[in-house]
Amino acid sequence: MFSWQMVRDGGIIILDDYEWTFFPDEIDHPKLGIDTFLAVHAGQYRELYRGEQIIIQKIEAEPSRAPSPGTPALPREAGPALDIAEKSVEFVLIAEAGILEAQALLLCESIRCFAGAYSRCPITVVSPRSSRRPSLSTLRKFEQLDVEYLPIEIQSYYPQYGTSYRIHALAHVERRPGPPVIVQLDSDTIFVAEPDLSLGASSAAARPVDVKGMCTTGPGDPFDSYWRQLCALVGVDYEHLPIVRTTVGGQAVRASYNGGLFVATRACGLFQRTEAIFKQLVAADMKPWADGPTFDTGTGVLHGEATTYWGTSQAAFSLAAVAGNHPVRLLPDTHNFPLNNLAGLPAPNAARLVHIHYHGLFSDASADVNPIMQGKLALPAAISEWLAARLPLRDHPQPTATTRDLTLEQDELIRAHDDLRLERDALVRDRDALREERNAILASRSWRLTAPLRWVRGPFVRRR
């Protein structure tokens, strides 16, 4: 990684062993590290050759685009890693049996491969319901990726609203000791470059909502009275809610941030306050959608009771930020990029994208409309090849890891460990016995070789 800074524009870098596959696990192959390097410097080099080696030529980087309105200017050359050290960040996401665990695995692997300075940061994957634990094979892959798997049992304030488990999970993780910054992630997202997670003078960072949804544009909006009641419920001055612009269409709305990517300092307790506000609005039966409309989500099509509280997790976070006087920095539009709304956005510079929110577009059923696979969004070659090898994500029913399964597997590992220890001790004893035998042979051979010399020397010594 440090070689990049040492090479001038026009200089050549040769990356060796790109196709080397000696180790059984893909994560140990040089290809992943090389792909990470290429992704971090996407748009800053020209590829000259690809085979057993990759040869690139450094070119002058594109000038950075002006930050979007409300986004503090942050010089890229300073690097977010200078603001927040590698071990200062903890990524947190949810995994449950089915498509969600496939998404979680892809996200964790993308962090390890493409998140640059943050690629080795702690990742915590929460399983909030014992009835929906991920499969044993998924847990083994989490272990290979050095991911902490945290199975807990959460009693949601409104279990029909699946996103409520993320609210509770983040509050649970925030209560634990850990790195000073927590990054909440939707499982149906991936990183394709190093993110900008710096906070500056803010306590949190996020992207605005993609579309208006249940937000309010102000007086006369159908949801304005709902937001005023929410503010009164939690003791927040409605007028103190900042104005942000939706990612799609640029509508001005009272602050509501997309839940695909939240960054917050652990000390500010923002996720716990979000949980407390969500509890209040459920207790007050403040459903923004009385009829439970239909939404196409990363886990499938939802409607009815599953969507009557849709959007309240994001609303609760926004209210928690204002209630705690925690300013929220707006992340660049390269983060939490809504792939499902590609058609409604200006054509993005694909080489500059950092974090993609693909919703359900990576699933088997959406393979024919995935813009990346269709070539409508041309990501850097290394990213495209990485995705092509893993998509579509399939929702195959798999046996989940019950407590009994995990206990049996643990017992089996303990027995295997004990057997290996006994085998090792036996080998050590054999080694020591062979060493003693060797020493005895050498001593005997030395006596036979030196005896004639002693006998010959004897007469000469006596004559003197």
Foldseek 3Di string as FASTA:
>chain_A
DVVVVVADQFGKDKAAQLVPDPDPDPVPGVVLQVLQVCLQCFQQWAWDDDDNMTMIGGHHHDDDDDFDPQFDDDDCVVPLCVQPPQAQEEEEEEAWAFLLLLLQLQALSLLLRHQPRNNPYAYEYEYADLVTFYAPVSVVSCVVSVYHYHYHHDDFLQVLAVCSSLLVVVLVVLPDDGRFKYKYAYSQKHFRHHFNAHAVVFFKAFAFAQDCVLFDLDPPGPNNVLVVVLCVQVVHDQVLQDWFFHQFPGRTTRGFGDRRIMMGTSVLSLSVQLNVSVSSCVVVVSFSAPFFDWDQFLVGIGGDSNRSNPRSSRVSSSSSCRVSVGDYRYGGCLAQPEQVCCVRHDNDPQSPRTMYRDTNCLAPVNVVPRCLNVVVRPHPPSVSVVSVVSGNRYGDRDDRCHPVNVVVVVVVVVVVVVVVVVVVVVVVVVVVVVVVVVVVVVVVVVCVVCVVVVVVVVVVVVVD
